[in-house]
Amino acid sequence: MNIILLGPQGSGKGTQAALLAERFGLQHFEAGKILRSIADSDNQHASAVKAAANSGNLVPDELVRLIAWNFVNKHRNGGFVFDGYPRSAAQYEHLQDMLMKFGQKIDRVIDLEISQAETIKRLAKRGREDDTPEAIKKRLELFRLQTEPVIEKARQDGILLEIDGERPIDVIHRDMVSKL
């Protein structure tokens, strides 16, 4: 089973992805965690990742595709839960193509829906360096412009599951599991 978890920053993607990965024995692709790790390293891509994060922009597609490819190739025999990836229609198409090479497909796209006010409230609490009000607003706008088309594509493909992300963690998880 291959699941994509989408939602604006602060929607609980990481928490829910970890729970789904554990419950179904899936590999958890944590795009944000991987990218933060690169930004904190002396990796050749660190400056590009830092610049994107601090400005609220998305990391260049080529780099995210490379990271995703390496992860999927390494764990090719398992199913996946993709957390924070894909973030654009182009990345979604690339992921579909990549999984097909391993005889797999995207089974479900879960959209964790939360309001902009709730997003800002949650991000203010986590206190990361790149969670400035300007960067948050820009990332929310990028989500609307670039990631919402992924949600629409999944709806057209008949694999979208919309979940209210403003409820308690355990309620959200039970809701997702019951619908998978």
N, C-alpha and C. Protein backbone atom coordinates (compact mmCIF):
# COMPACT_ATOMS: atom_id res chain seq x y z
N MET A 1 0.85 -1.17 0.00
CA MET A 1 0.00 0.00 0.00
C MET A 1 0.90 1.23 0.00
N ASN A 2 0.56 2.21 -0.84
CA ASN A 2 1.29 3.47 -0.93
C ASN A 2 0.31 4.62 -0.70
N ILE A 3 0.62 5.41 0.32
CA ILE A 3 -0.24 6.50 0.75
C ILE A 3 0.53 7.81 0.70
N ILE A 4 -0.13 8.84 0.21
CA ILE A 4 0.42 10.20 0.26
C ILE A 4 -0.40 10.97 1.28
N LEU A 5 0.28 11.64 2.21
CA LEU A 5 -0.39 12.48 3.19
C LEU A 5 -0.10 13.93 2.84
N LEU A 6 -1.17 14.68 2.56
CA LEU A 6 -1.04 16.09 2.22
C LEU A 6 -1.80 16.94 3.23
N GLY A 7 -1.45 18.19 3.25
CA GLY A 7 -2.11 19.15 4.13
C GLY A 7 -1.16 20.31 4.32
N PRO A 8 -1.69 21.44 4.74
CA PRO A 8 -0.80 22.59 4.96
C PRO A 8 0.17 22.31 6.10
N GLN A 9 1.20 23.11 6.20
CA GLN A 9 2.15 22.98 7.29
C GLN A 9 1.37 23.03 8.61
N GLY A 10 1.78 22.16 9.54
CA GLY A 10 1.14 22.13 10.83
C GLY A 10 -0.14 21.31 10.89
N SER A 11 -0.49 20.63 9.81
CA SER A 11 -1.74 19.87 9.77
C SER A 11 -1.64 18.51 10.48
N GLY A 12 -0.44 18.12 10.86
CA GLY A 12 -0.27 16.84 11.54
C GLY A 12 0.16 15.71 10.62
N LYS A 13 0.66 16.05 9.43
CA LYS A 13 1.09 15.03 8.47
C LYS A 13 2.12 14.08 9.08
N GLY A 14 3.13 14.64 9.71
CA GLY A 14 4.20 13.82 10.27
C GLY A 14 3.71 12.86 11.33
N THR A 15 2.88 13.35 12.21
CA THR A 15 2.32 12.52 13.28
C THR A 15 1.47 11.39 12.69
N GLN A 16 0.57 11.74 11.80
CA GLN A 16 -0.32 10.74 11.21
C GLN A 16 0.44 9.77 10.32
N ALA A 17 1.43 10.27 9.58
CA ALA A 17 2.23 9.38 8.72
C ALA A 17 2.97 8.35 9.55
N ALA A 18 3.54 8.77 10.68
CA ALA A 18 4.25 7.84 11.55
C ALA A 18 3.30 6.77 12.09
N LEU A 19 2.10 7.18 12.48
CA LEU A 19 1.11 6.22 12.98
C LEU A 19 0.69 5.23 11.89
N LEU A 20 0.47 5.74 10.68
CA LEU A 20 0.09 4.85 9.57
C LEU A 20 1.23 3.89 9.21
N ALA A 21 2.45 4.41 9.19
CA ALA A 21 3.61 3.57 8.86
C ALA A 21 3.73 2.43 9.85
N GLU A 22 3.56 2.75 11.13
CA GLU A 22 3.65 1.71 12.16
C GLU A 22 2.50 0.71 12.04
N ARG A 23 1.32 1.21 11.86
CA ARG A 23 0.13 0.34 11.82
C ARG A 23 0.16 -0.63 10.63
N PHE A 24 0.58 -0.13 9.45
CA PHE A 24 0.54 -0.95 8.24
C PHE A 24 1.91 -1.46 7.79
N GLY A 25 2.96 -1.21 8.58
CA GLY A 25 4.29 -1.68 8.21
C GLY A 25 4.85 -1.02 6.97
N LEU A 26 4.60 0.27 6.83
CA LEU A 26 5.05 1.02 5.65
C LEU A 26 6.33 1.79 5.95
N GLN A 27 7.09 2.07 4.90
CA GLN A 27 8.26 2.93 5.02
C GLN A 27 7.75 4.38 5.05
N HIS A 28 8.27 5.17 5.98
CA HIS A 28 7.82 6.55 6.16
C HIS A 28 8.82 7.48 5.49
N PHE A 29 8.40 8.08 4.38
CA PHE A 29 9.22 9.08 3.69
C PHE A 29 8.87 10.45 4.26
N GLU A 30 9.74 10.99 5.11
CA GLU A 30 9.53 12.27 5.78
C GLU A 30 10.29 13.36 5.04
N ALA A 31 9.67 13.96 4.05
CA ALA A 31 10.35 14.95 3.21
C ALA A 31 10.95 16.08 4.05
N GLY A 32 10.16 16.66 4.95
CA GLY A 32 10.64 17.78 5.75
C GLY A 32 11.83 17.41 6.61
N LYS A 33 11.77 16.26 7.26
CA LYS A 33 12.86 15.82 8.13
C LYS A 33 14.14 15.59 7.31
N ILE A 34 13.99 14.95 6.17
CA ILE A 34 15.15 14.69 5.31
C ILE A 34 15.76 16.00 4.84
N LEU A 35 14.91 16.94 4.43
CA LEU A 35 15.41 18.22 3.94
C LEU A 35 16.06 19.04 5.05
N ARG A 36 15.49 19.02 6.26
CA ARG A 36 16.11 19.73 7.39
C ARG A 36 17.46 19.12 7.72
N SER A 37 17.57 17.80 7.61
CA SER A 37 18.84 17.11 7.86
C SER A 37 19.89 17.56 6.83
N ILE A 38 19.47 17.68 5.59
CA ILE A 38 20.40 18.16 4.54
C ILE A 38 20.81 19.59 4.83
N ALA A 39 19.85 20.44 5.23
CA ALA A 39 20.15 21.85 5.52
C ALA A 39 21.15 21.99 6.66
N ASP A 40 21.09 21.08 7.62
CA ASP A 40 21.99 21.14 8.79
C ASP A 40 23.33 20.47 8.55
N SER A 41 23.54 19.93 7.36
CA SER A 41 24.77 19.20 7.06
C SER A 41 25.70 20.07 6.23
N ASP A 42 26.83 19.49 5.86
CA ASP A 42 27.73 20.17 4.93
C ASP A 42 27.55 19.59 3.52
N ASN A 43 26.40 18.98 3.30
CA ASN A 43 26.02 18.41 2.01
C ASN A 43 26.06 19.50 0.94
N GLN A 44 26.33 19.11 -0.29
CA GLN A 44 26.41 20.06 -1.40
C GLN A 44 25.09 20.79 -1.64
N HIS A 45 23.98 20.22 -1.17
CA HIS A 45 22.66 20.82 -1.39
C HIS A 45 22.17 21.65 -0.21
N ALA A 46 22.97 21.74 0.87
CA ALA A 46 22.53 22.41 2.10
C ALA A 46 22.12 23.86 1.87
N SER A 47 22.90 24.60 1.13
CA SER A 47 22.58 26.03 0.95
C SER A 47 21.28 26.23 0.18
N ALA A 48 21.01 25.39 -0.82
CA ALA A 48 19.76 25.50 -1.58
C ALA A 48 18.56 25.18 -0.71
N VAL A 49 18.68 24.16 0.14
CA VAL A 49 17.59 23.79 1.03
C VAL A 49 17.34 24.88 2.06
N LYS A 50 18.43 25.42 2.66
CA LYS A 50 18.29 26.50 3.65
C LYS A 50 17.64 27.72 3.05
N ALA A 51 18.08 28.10 1.87
CA ALA A 51 17.54 29.30 1.21
C ALA A 51 16.05 29.13 0.95
N ALA A 52 15.65 27.97 0.47
CA ALA A 52 14.24 27.72 0.19
C ALA A 52 13.42 27.76 1.48
N ALA A 53 13.91 27.09 2.51
CA ALA A 53 13.16 27.02 3.78
C ALA A 53 13.01 28.41 4.41
N ASN A 54 14.09 29.17 4.44
CA ASN A 54 14.05 30.48 5.10
C ASN A 54 13.22 31.50 4.35
N SER A 55 13.06 31.31 3.05
CA SER A 55 12.26 32.25 2.26
C SER A 55 10.81 31.79 2.12
N GLY A 56 10.54 30.55 2.56
CA GLY A 56 9.18 30.01 2.42
C GLY A 56 8.93 29.37 1.07
N ASN A 57 9.96 29.25 0.25
CA ASN A 57 9.81 28.62 -1.07
C ASN A 57 9.97 27.11 -0.97
N LEU A 58 9.55 26.42 -2.02
CA LEU A 58 9.75 24.98 -2.08
C LEU A 58 11.17 24.69 -2.55
N VAL A 59 11.71 23.58 -2.07
CA VAL A 59 13.02 23.12 -2.50
C VAL A 59 12.90 22.73 -3.97
N PRO A 60 13.93 22.99 -4.78
CA PRO A 60 13.85 22.67 -6.21
C PRO A 60 13.44 21.21 -6.46
N ASP A 61 12.55 21.05 -7.46
CA ASP A 61 12.02 19.73 -7.81
C ASP A 61 13.10 18.69 -8.03
N GLU A 62 14.17 19.06 -8.73
CA GLU A 62 15.20 18.07 -9.07
C GLU A 62 15.77 17.44 -7.81
N LEU A 63 16.01 18.25 -6.79
CA LEU A 63 16.59 17.74 -5.55
C LEU A 63 15.59 16.84 -4.81
N VAL A 64 14.35 17.26 -4.72
CA VAL A 64 13.35 16.45 -4.02
C VAL A 64 13.12 15.14 -4.78
N ARG A 65 13.12 15.19 -6.08
CA ARG A 65 12.95 13.96 -6.87
C ARG A 65 14.11 12.99 -6.63
N LEU A 66 15.32 13.52 -6.55
CA LEU A 66 16.50 12.69 -6.30
C LEU A 66 16.40 12.03 -4.93
N ILE A 67 16.01 12.79 -3.93
CA ILE A 67 15.86 12.25 -2.57
C ILE A 67 14.78 11.17 -2.55
N ALA A 68 13.65 11.44 -3.19
CA ALA A 68 12.55 10.47 -3.23
C ALA A 68 13.00 9.20 -3.96
N TRP A 69 13.67 9.36 -5.09
CA TRP A 69 14.13 8.21 -5.85
C TRP A 69 15.06 7.35 -5.00
N ASN A 70 16.02 7.97 -4.32
CA ASN A 70 16.96 7.22 -3.49
C ASN A 70 16.23 6.45 -2.40
N PHE A 71 15.24 7.07 -1.78
CA PHE A 71 14.49 6.42 -0.70
C PHE A 71 13.67 5.25 -1.23
N VAL A 72 12.93 5.47 -2.30
CA VAL A 72 12.08 4.41 -2.86
C VAL A 72 12.94 3.26 -3.38
N ASN A 73 14.02 3.58 -4.03
CA ASN A 73 14.92 2.55 -4.54
C ASN A 73 15.50 1.71 -3.40
N LYS A 74 15.86 2.35 -2.30
CA LYS A 74 16.42 1.65 -1.15
C LYS A 74 15.40 0.71 -0.50
N HIS A 75 14.14 1.11 -0.48
CA HIS A 75 13.09 0.35 0.20
C HIS A 75 12.07 -0.21 -0.80
N ARG A 76 12.51 -0.53 -1.98
CA ARG A 76 11.62 -0.85 -3.11
C ARG A 76 10.65 -2.00 -2.87
N ASN A 77 10.91 -2.86 -1.92
CA ASN A 77 10.04 -4.01 -1.71
C ASN A 77 8.89 -3.75 -0.75
N GLY A 78 8.86 -2.55 -0.17
CA GLY A 78 7.81 -2.27 0.80
C GLY A 78 6.82 -1.26 0.27
N GLY A 79 5.81 -1.01 1.07
CA GLY A 79 4.87 0.06 0.77
C GLY A 79 5.36 1.33 1.46
N PHE A 80 4.76 2.44 1.10
CA PHE A 80 5.25 3.73 1.60
C PHE A 80 4.11 4.61 2.08
N VAL A 81 4.46 5.47 3.02
CA VAL A 81 3.61 6.60 3.34
C VAL A 81 4.49 7.83 3.09
N PHE A 82 4.04 8.67 2.17
CA PHE A 82 4.78 9.86 1.78
C PHE A 82 4.22 11.05 2.53
N ASP A 83 5.06 11.67 3.32
CA ASP A 83 4.71 12.76 4.22
C ASP A 83 5.35 14.04 3.69
N GLY A 84 4.52 14.93 3.15
CA GLY A 84 5.04 16.20 2.64
C GLY A 84 5.58 16.12 1.23
N TYR A 85 5.34 15.03 0.57
CA TYR A 85 5.77 14.84 -0.82
C TYR A 85 4.74 13.93 -1.46
N PRO A 86 4.29 14.23 -2.64
CA PRO A 86 4.68 15.33 -3.54
C PRO A 86 3.97 16.63 -3.18
N ARG A 87 4.61 17.74 -3.54
CA ARG A 87 4.06 19.06 -3.26
C ARG A 87 3.57 19.78 -4.50
N SER A 88 3.74 19.17 -5.65
CA SER A 88 3.30 19.80 -6.90
C SER A 88 2.78 18.71 -7.84
N ALA A 89 2.04 19.14 -8.86
CA ALA A 89 1.51 18.19 -9.84
C ALA A 89 2.66 17.47 -10.55
N ALA A 90 3.73 18.18 -10.84
CA ALA A 90 4.89 17.55 -11.50
C ALA A 90 5.50 16.47 -10.61
N GLN A 91 5.62 16.75 -9.31
CA GLN A 91 6.16 15.76 -8.39
C GLN A 91 5.22 14.56 -8.27
N TYR A 92 3.92 14.81 -8.29
CA TYR A 92 2.93 13.73 -8.22
C TYR A 92 3.09 12.79 -9.42
N GLU A 93 3.19 13.38 -10.61
CA GLU A 93 3.37 12.57 -11.83
C GLU A 93 4.67 11.78 -11.76
N HIS A 94 5.73 12.43 -11.27
CA HIS A 94 7.02 11.77 -11.15
C HIS A 94 6.93 10.59 -10.18
N LEU A 95 6.24 10.79 -9.06
CA LEU A 95 6.09 9.71 -8.09
C LEU A 95 5.31 8.54 -8.70
N GLN A 96 4.24 8.84 -9.42
CA GLN A 96 3.48 7.77 -10.09
C GLN A 96 4.39 6.97 -11.02
N ASP A 97 5.17 7.68 -11.83
CA ASP A 97 6.07 7.01 -12.76
C ASP A 97 7.12 6.18 -12.03
N MET A 98 7.68 6.75 -10.95
CA MET A 98 8.71 6.07 -10.18
C MET A 98 8.15 4.77 -9.58
N LEU A 99 6.99 4.85 -8.97
CA LEU A 99 6.41 3.66 -8.36
C LEU A 99 6.08 2.60 -9.40
N MET A 100 5.63 3.02 -10.58
CA MET A 100 5.33 2.08 -11.66
C MET A 100 6.56 1.27 -12.04
N LYS A 101 7.73 1.89 -11.97
CA LYS A 101 8.97 1.18 -12.30
C LYS A 101 9.22 0.02 -11.34
N PHE A 102 8.64 0.10 -10.15
CA PHE A 102 8.78 -0.97 -9.16
C PHE A 102 7.51 -1.80 -9.05
N GLY A 103 6.62 -1.67 -10.04
CA GLY A 103 5.38 -2.45 -10.05
C GLY A 103 4.38 -2.02 -8.99
N GLN A 104 4.45 -0.77 -8.57
CA GLN A 104 3.56 -0.25 -7.54
C GLN A 104 2.77 0.94 -8.07
N LYS A 105 1.83 1.41 -7.25
CA LYS A 105 1.04 2.59 -7.61
C LYS A 105 0.69 3.36 -6.35
N ILE A 106 0.16 4.55 -6.54
CA ILE A 106 -0.35 5.33 -5.42
C ILE A 106 -1.76 4.81 -5.14
N ASP A 107 -1.97 4.33 -3.92
CA ASP A 107 -3.27 3.76 -3.57
C ASP A 107 -4.22 4.79 -3.01
N ARG A 108 -3.72 5.68 -2.17
CA ARG A 108 -4.56 6.69 -1.52
C ARG A 108 -3.79 7.98 -1.33
N VAL A 109 -4.50 9.08 -1.50
CA VAL A 109 -3.99 10.40 -1.14
C VAL A 109 -4.91 10.92 -0.05
N ILE A 110 -4.33 11.22 1.11
CA ILE A 110 -5.11 11.72 2.24
C ILE A 110 -4.80 13.20 2.41
N ASP A 111 -5.85 14.00 2.40
CA ASP A 111 -5.72 15.44 2.60
C ASP A 111 -6.18 15.76 4.02
N LEU A 112 -5.24 16.17 4.87
CA LEU A 112 -5.57 16.60 6.23
C LEU A 112 -5.95 18.08 6.17
N GLU A 113 -7.21 18.34 6.34
CA GLU A 113 -7.73 19.70 6.17
C GLU A 113 -7.75 20.44 7.50
N ILE A 114 -7.08 21.61 7.53
CA ILE A 114 -7.15 22.51 8.67
C ILE A 114 -7.23 23.94 8.15
N SER A 115 -7.78 24.82 8.95
CA SER A 115 -7.94 26.22 8.56
C SER A 115 -6.60 26.96 8.62
N GLN A 116 -6.54 28.10 7.96
CA GLN A 116 -5.33 28.92 8.00
C GLN A 116 -5.05 29.38 9.43
N ALA A 117 -6.08 29.74 10.17
CA ALA A 117 -5.89 30.19 11.55
C ALA A 117 -5.28 29.07 12.40
N GLU A 118 -5.77 27.85 12.21
CA GLU A 118 -5.23 26.70 12.96
C GLU A 118 -3.79 26.43 12.55
N THR A 119 -3.48 26.56 11.27
CA THR A 119 -2.10 26.37 10.80
C THR A 119 -1.18 27.34 11.50
N ILE A 120 -1.52 28.60 11.51
CA ILE A 120 -0.67 29.63 12.12
C ILE A 120 -0.52 29.37 13.62
N LYS A 121 -1.60 29.00 14.28
CA LYS A 121 -1.56 28.71 15.72
C LYS A 121 -0.60 27.55 16.01
N ARG A 122 -0.71 26.48 15.23
CA ARG A 122 0.15 25.31 15.45
C ARG A 122 1.61 25.60 15.15
N LEU A 123 1.87 26.32 14.07
CA LEU A 123 3.26 26.59 13.71
C LEU A 123 3.92 27.53 14.71
N ALA A 124 3.16 28.45 15.27
CA ALA A 124 3.71 29.36 16.28
C ALA A 124 4.18 28.57 17.50
N LYS A 125 3.50 27.49 17.82
CA LYS A 125 3.85 26.66 18.98
C LYS A 125 5.13 25.87 18.78
N ARG A 126 5.40 25.43 17.55
CA ARG A 126 6.56 24.56 17.37
C ARG A 126 7.87 25.34 17.34
N GLY A 127 7.83 26.62 17.03
CA GLY A 127 8.98 27.49 17.20
C GLY A 127 10.22 27.19 16.40
N ARG A 128 10.07 26.67 15.21
CA ARG A 128 11.25 26.44 14.37
C ARG A 128 11.73 27.75 13.77
N GLU A 129 13.01 27.80 13.48
CA GLU A 129 13.63 29.02 12.94
C GLU A 129 12.98 29.50 11.65
N ASP A 130 12.55 28.57 10.81
CA ASP A 130 11.97 28.94 9.52
C ASP A 130 10.46 29.19 9.59
N ASP A 131 9.90 29.23 10.80
CA ASP A 131 8.46 29.49 10.97
C ASP A 131 8.18 30.95 11.30
N THR A 132 8.73 31.84 10.50
CA THR A 132 8.44 33.27 10.65
C THR A 132 7.06 33.54 10.05
N PRO A 133 6.37 34.59 10.51
CA PRO A 133 5.05 34.88 9.93
C PRO A 133 5.09 35.03 8.40
N GLU A 134 6.12 35.67 7.89
CA GLU A 134 6.22 35.86 6.43
C GLU A 134 6.40 34.52 5.72
N ALA A 135 7.28 33.67 6.25
CA ALA A 135 7.53 32.37 5.62
C ALA A 135 6.28 31.49 5.70
N ILE A 136 5.57 31.54 6.83
CA ILE A 136 4.36 30.74 6.99
C ILE A 136 3.32 31.16 5.95
N LYS A 137 3.11 32.46 5.81
CA LYS A 137 2.12 32.95 4.84
C LYS A 137 2.51 32.55 3.42
N LYS A 138 3.80 32.62 3.12
CA LYS A 138 4.25 32.25 1.79
C LYS A 138 4.05 30.75 1.54
N ARG A 139 4.37 29.93 2.54
CA ARG A 139 4.20 28.48 2.38
C ARG A 139 2.72 28.12 2.23
N LEU A 140 1.86 28.81 2.94
CA LEU A 140 0.42 28.56 2.79
C LEU A 140 -0.06 28.93 1.39
N GLU A 141 0.46 30.03 0.87
CA GLU A 141 0.09 30.43 -0.50
C GLU A 141 0.64 29.42 -1.51
N LEU A 142 1.87 28.95 -1.30
CA LEU A 142 2.44 27.93 -2.18
C LEU A 142 1.63 26.63 -2.11
N PHE A 143 1.18 26.29 -0.90
CA PHE A 143 0.35 25.10 -0.76
C PHE A 143 -0.91 25.25 -1.61
N ARG A 144 -1.54 26.41 -1.50
CA ARG A 144 -2.77 26.66 -2.26
C ARG A 144 -2.51 26.59 -3.76
N LEU A 145 -1.43 27.20 -4.20
CA LEU A 145 -1.15 27.27 -5.64
C LEU A 145 -0.60 25.96 -6.21
N GLN A 146 0.31 25.30 -5.47
CA GLN A 146 1.02 24.16 -6.03
C GLN A 146 0.51 22.80 -5.56
N THR A 147 0.08 22.70 -4.32
CA THR A 147 -0.31 21.39 -3.80
C THR A 147 -1.79 21.11 -3.98
N GLU A 148 -2.62 22.12 -3.95
CA GLU A 148 -4.04 21.87 -4.18
C GLU A 148 -4.32 21.21 -5.53
N PRO A 149 -3.55 21.51 -6.60
CA PRO A 149 -3.75 20.75 -7.84
C PRO A 149 -3.47 19.25 -7.70
N VAL A 150 -2.57 18.88 -6.78
CA VAL A 150 -2.31 17.46 -6.51
C VAL A 150 -3.57 16.84 -5.90
N ILE A 151 -4.19 17.57 -4.98
CA ILE A 151 -5.42 17.09 -4.35
C ILE A 151 -6.51 16.91 -5.40
N GLU A 152 -6.62 17.87 -6.32
CA GLU A 152 -7.62 17.75 -7.39
C GLU A 152 -7.33 16.57 -8.30
N LYS A 153 -6.07 16.34 -8.61
CA LYS A 153 -5.68 15.20 -9.45
C LYS A 153 -6.05 13.89 -8.76
N ALA A 154 -5.78 13.80 -7.46
CA ALA A 154 -6.13 12.59 -6.70
C ALA A 154 -7.65 12.40 -6.67
N ARG A 155 -8.39 13.50 -6.58
CA ARG A 155 -9.86 13.42 -6.61
C ARG A 155 -10.30 12.84 -7.97
N GLN A 156 -9.70 13.34 -9.05
CA GLN A 156 -10.04 12.85 -10.39
C GLN A 156 -9.66 11.38 -10.55
N ASP A 157 -8.56 10.98 -9.91
CA ASP A 157 -8.10 9.59 -9.98
C ASP A 157 -8.93 8.67 -9.09
N GLY A 158 -9.82 9.25 -8.28
CA GLY A 158 -10.67 8.46 -7.40
C GLY A 158 -9.97 7.88 -6.19
N ILE A 159 -8.85 8.49 -5.77
CA ILE A 159 -8.08 7.95 -4.64
C ILE A 159 -7.94 8.95 -3.50
N LEU A 160 -8.71 10.03 -3.52
CA LEU A 160 -8.61 11.06 -2.49
C LEU A 160 -9.46 10.72 -1.28
N LEU A 161 -8.89 10.93 -0.12
CA LEU A 161 -9.60 10.79 1.15
C LEU A 161 -9.40 12.10 1.92
N GLU A 162 -10.49 12.83 2.15
CA GLU A 162 -10.40 14.10 2.86
C GLU A 162 -10.72 13.88 4.33
N ILE A 163 -9.84 14.36 5.19
CA ILE A 163 -9.95 14.13 6.63
C ILE A 163 -9.88 15.47 7.37
N ASP A 164 -10.78 15.65 8.32
CA ASP A 164 -10.77 16.83 9.18
C ASP A 164 -9.58 16.72 10.12
N GLY A 165 -8.59 17.58 9.94
CA GLY A 165 -7.36 17.54 10.72
C GLY A 165 -7.38 18.37 11.99
N GLU A 166 -8.53 18.92 12.34
CA GLU A 166 -8.60 19.76 13.53
C GLU A 166 -9.18 19.02 14.74
N ARG A 167 -9.15 17.71 14.70
CA ARG A 167 -9.64 16.88 15.79
C ARG A 167 -8.45 16.28 16.54
N PRO A 168 -8.69 15.60 17.65
CA PRO A 168 -7.60 14.94 18.38
C PRO A 168 -6.89 13.90 17.50
N ILE A 169 -5.61 13.73 17.75
CA ILE A 169 -4.76 12.84 16.97
C ILE A 169 -5.36 11.44 16.84
N ASP A 170 -5.81 10.86 17.95
CA ASP A 170 -6.32 9.49 17.91
C ASP A 170 -7.62 9.39 17.12
N VAL A 171 -8.45 10.43 17.15
CA VAL A 171 -9.70 10.44 16.40
C VAL A 171 -9.40 10.50 14.89
N ILE A 172 -8.45 11.34 14.53
CA ILE A 172 -8.05 11.46 13.12
C ILE A 172 -7.50 10.12 12.63
N HIS A 173 -6.64 9.51 13.44
CA HIS A 173 -6.03 8.24 13.04
C HIS A 173 -7.09 7.14 12.85
N ARG A 174 -8.00 7.02 13.80
CA ARG A 174 -9.05 6.01 13.67
C ARG A 174 -9.90 6.25 12.43
N ASP A 175 -10.19 7.52 12.16
CA ASP A 175 -10.98 7.89 10.97
C ASP A 175 -10.25 7.44 9.71
N MET A 176 -8.96 7.75 9.62
CA MET A 176 -8.18 7.36 8.43
C MET A 176 -8.14 5.85 8.26
N VAL A 177 -7.84 5.14 9.34
CA VAL A 177 -7.72 3.67 9.26
C VAL A 177 -9.06 3.05 8.84
N SER A 178 -10.14 3.57 9.38
CA SER A 178 -11.46 3.00 9.03
C SER A 178 -11.79 3.22 7.55
N LYS A 179 -11.24 4.27 6.95
CA LYS A 179 -11.55 4.58 5.55
C LYS A 179 -10.53 4.00 4.58
N LEU A 180 -9.42 3.51 5.10
CA LEU A 180 -8.43 2.88 4.22
C LEU A 180 -8.84 1.44 3.95
